[in-house]
C-alpha atoms as a PDB file:
ATOM      1  CA  MET A   1     135.615  63.805   6.430  1.00  0.00           C
ATOM      2  CA  VAL A   2     135.544  61.356   9.353  1.00  0.00           C
ATOM      3  CA  ASN A   3     136.961  63.908  11.829  1.00  0.00           C
ATOM      4  CA  ASP A   4     134.153  66.295  11.057  1.00  0.00           C
ATOM      5  CA  GLU A   5     131.644  63.475  11.576  1.00  0.00           C
ATOM      6  CA  LEU A   6     133.239  62.509  14.872  1.00  0.00           C
ATOM      7  CA  ARG A   7     133.201  66.110  16.056  1.00  0.00           C
ATOM      8  CA  THR A   8     129.491  66.455  15.217  1.00  0.00           C
ATOM      9  CA  ALA A   9     128.654  63.072  16.864  1.00  0.00           C
ATOM     10  CA  ILE A  10     130.481  64.010  20.064  1.00  0.00           C
ATOM     11  CA  LEU A  11     128.733  67.320  20.361  1.00  0.00           C
ATOM     12  CA  GLU A  12     125.310  65.994  19.460  1.00  0.00           C
ATOM     13  CA  LEU A  13     125.553  62.969  21.795  1.00  0.00           C
ATOM     14  CA  ALA A  14     126.941  64.964  24.641  1.00  0.00           C
ATOM     15  CA  ARG A  15     124.278  67.755  24.237  1.00  0.00           C
ATOM     16  CA  ALA A  16     121.509  65.169  24.013  1.00  0.00           C
ATOM     17  CA  ARG A  17     122.570  63.713  27.412  1.00  0.00           C
ATOM     18  CA  GLY A  18     122.897  67.154  28.921  1.00  0.00           C
ATOM     19  CA  PRO A  19     125.586  68.630  31.239  1.00  0.00           C
ATOM     20  CA  ALA A  20     124.710  66.290  34.110  1.00  0.00           C
ATOM     21  CA  LYS A  21     125.616  63.137  32.138  1.00  0.00           C
ATOM     22  CA  THR A  22     128.605  62.004  30.063  1.00  0.00           C
ATOM     23  CA  ILE A  23     129.356  59.970  26.973  1.00  0.00           C
ATOM     24  CA  CYS A  24     132.279  57.773  26.128  1.00  0.00           C
ATOM     25  CA  PRO A  25     134.389  58.560  23.121  1.00  0.00           C
ATOM     26  CA  SER A  26     133.393  55.095  21.842  1.00  0.00           C
ATOM     27  CA  ASP A  27     129.786  56.208  21.607  1.00  0.00           C
ATOM     28  CA  ALA A  28     130.793  58.739  18.915  1.00  0.00           C
ATOM     29  CA  ALA A  29     133.130  56.294  17.268  1.00  0.00           C
ATOM     30  CA  ARG A  30     130.433  53.671  17.027  1.00  0.00           C
ATOM     31  CA  ALA A  31     127.986  56.248  15.655  1.00  0.00           C
ATOM     32  CA  VAL A  32     130.401  57.144  12.871  1.00  0.00           C
ATOM     33  CA  GLY A  33     132.317  53.982  12.180  1.00  0.00           C
ATOM     34  CA  GLY A  34     129.744  51.227  12.772  1.00  0.00           C
ATOM     35  CA  GLU A  35     131.474  47.858  13.050  1.00  0.00           C
ATOM     36  CA  HIS A  36     134.836  49.588  12.468  1.00  0.00           C
ATOM     37  CA  TRP A  37     134.600  51.968  15.380  1.00  0.00           C
ATOM     38  CA  ARG A  38     137.750  50.815  17.162  1.00  0.00           C
ATOM     39  CA  GLY A  39     139.972  52.350  14.532  1.00  0.00           C
ATOM     40  CA  LEU A  40     138.377  55.763  15.302  1.00  0.00           C
ATOM     41  CA  MET A  41     139.039  55.838  19.019  1.00  0.00           C
ATOM     42  CA  ASP A  42     142.322  57.769  18.956  1.00  0.00           C
ATOM     43  CA  ASP A  43     140.710  60.265  16.639  1.00  0.00           C
ATOM     44  CA  ALA A  44     137.614  60.563  18.934  1.00  0.00           C
ATOM     45  CA  ARG A  45     139.877  61.225  21.973  1.00  0.00           C
ATOM     46  CA  ASP A  46     141.873  63.836  20.144  1.00  0.00           C
ATOM     47  CA  ILE A  47     138.732  65.598  18.973  1.00  0.00           C
ATOM     48  CA  ALA A  48     137.352  65.479  22.510  1.00  0.00           C
ATOM     49  CA  ARG A  49     140.611  67.161  23.665  1.00  0.00           C
ATOM     50  CA  ASP A  50     140.203  69.897  20.958  1.00  0.00           C
ATOM     51  CA  LEU A  51     136.576  70.442  21.928  1.00  0.00           C
ATOM     52  CA  ALA A  52     137.591  70.785  25.566  1.00  0.00           C
ATOM     53  CA  ARG A  53     140.245  73.399  24.674  1.00  0.00           C
ATOM     54  CA  GLN A  54     137.538  75.359  22.875  1.00  0.00           C
ATOM     55  CA  GLY A  55     135.258  75.103  25.840  1.00  0.00           C
ATOM     56  CA  ASP A  56     132.521  73.091  24.151  1.00  0.00           C
ATOM     57  CA  VAL A  57     132.920  70.013  26.381  1.00  0.00           C
ATOM     58  CA  GLU A  58     134.584  68.895  29.529  1.00  0.00           C
ATOM     59  CA  VAL A  59     136.627  65.690  29.536  1.00  0.00           C
ATOM     60  CA  THR A  60     136.458  63.800  32.848  1.00  0.00           C
ATOM     61  CA  GLN A  61     137.985  60.832  34.441  1.00  0.00           C
ATOM     62  CA  GLY A  62     136.697  59.419  37.762  1.00  0.00           C
ATOM     63  CA  GLY A  63     134.348  62.418  37.970  1.00  0.00           C
ATOM     64  CA  GLU A  64     137.301  64.919  37.866  1.00  0.00           C
ATOM     65  CA  VAL A  65     137.643  67.360  35.013  1.00  0.00           C
ATOM     66  CA  LEU A  66     140.871  66.757  33.065  1.00  0.00           C
ATOM     67  CA  ASP A  67     143.177  69.442  31.691  1.00  0.00           C
ATOM     68  CA  PRO A  68     142.949  69.218  27.850  1.00  0.00           C
ATOM     69  CA  ASP A  69     146.674  69.835  27.574  1.00  0.00           C
ATOM     70  CA  ALA A  70     147.673  67.119  30.094  1.00  0.00           C
ATOM     71  CA  THR A  71     148.619  63.542  29.295  1.00  0.00           C
ATOM     72  CA  TRP A  72     145.711  61.226  29.757  1.00  0.00           C
ATOM     73  CA  ARG A  73     145.743  57.546  30.582  1.00  0.00           C
ATOM     74  CA  GLY A  74     142.800  55.251  30.857  1.00  0.00           C
ATOM     75  CA  PRO A  75     139.145  55.723  30.165  1.00  0.00           C
ATOM     76  CA  ILE A  76     137.743  59.203  29.782  1.00  0.00           C
ATOM     77  CA  ARG A  77     134.202  60.540  29.598  1.00  0.00           C
ATOM     78  CA  ILE A  78     132.891  63.632  27.738  1.00  0.00           C
ATOM     79  CA  ARG A  79     130.272  66.151  29.117  1.00  0.00           C
ATOM     80  CA  ALA A  80     128.578  69.013  27.379  1.00  0.00           C
ATOM     81  CA  ARG A  81     129.208  72.411  28.871  1.00  0.00           C
END
């Protein structure tokens, strides 16, 4: 299932970078979807939100940690916890 692949990609990529660095949801979308990654962006953002709720990652924007239950606009970054 694509969502499971995205979840795994987000966690693996974020953990590989470590808690001091972030990834973009597009990094995971590209890893899973190849040339068709753009269609996975909404799912990648939703999965990042779920992972943040579970405490596995932090989602940031402009260096500030976002509330996973808030409405987000614009680019986000994902950091392993």
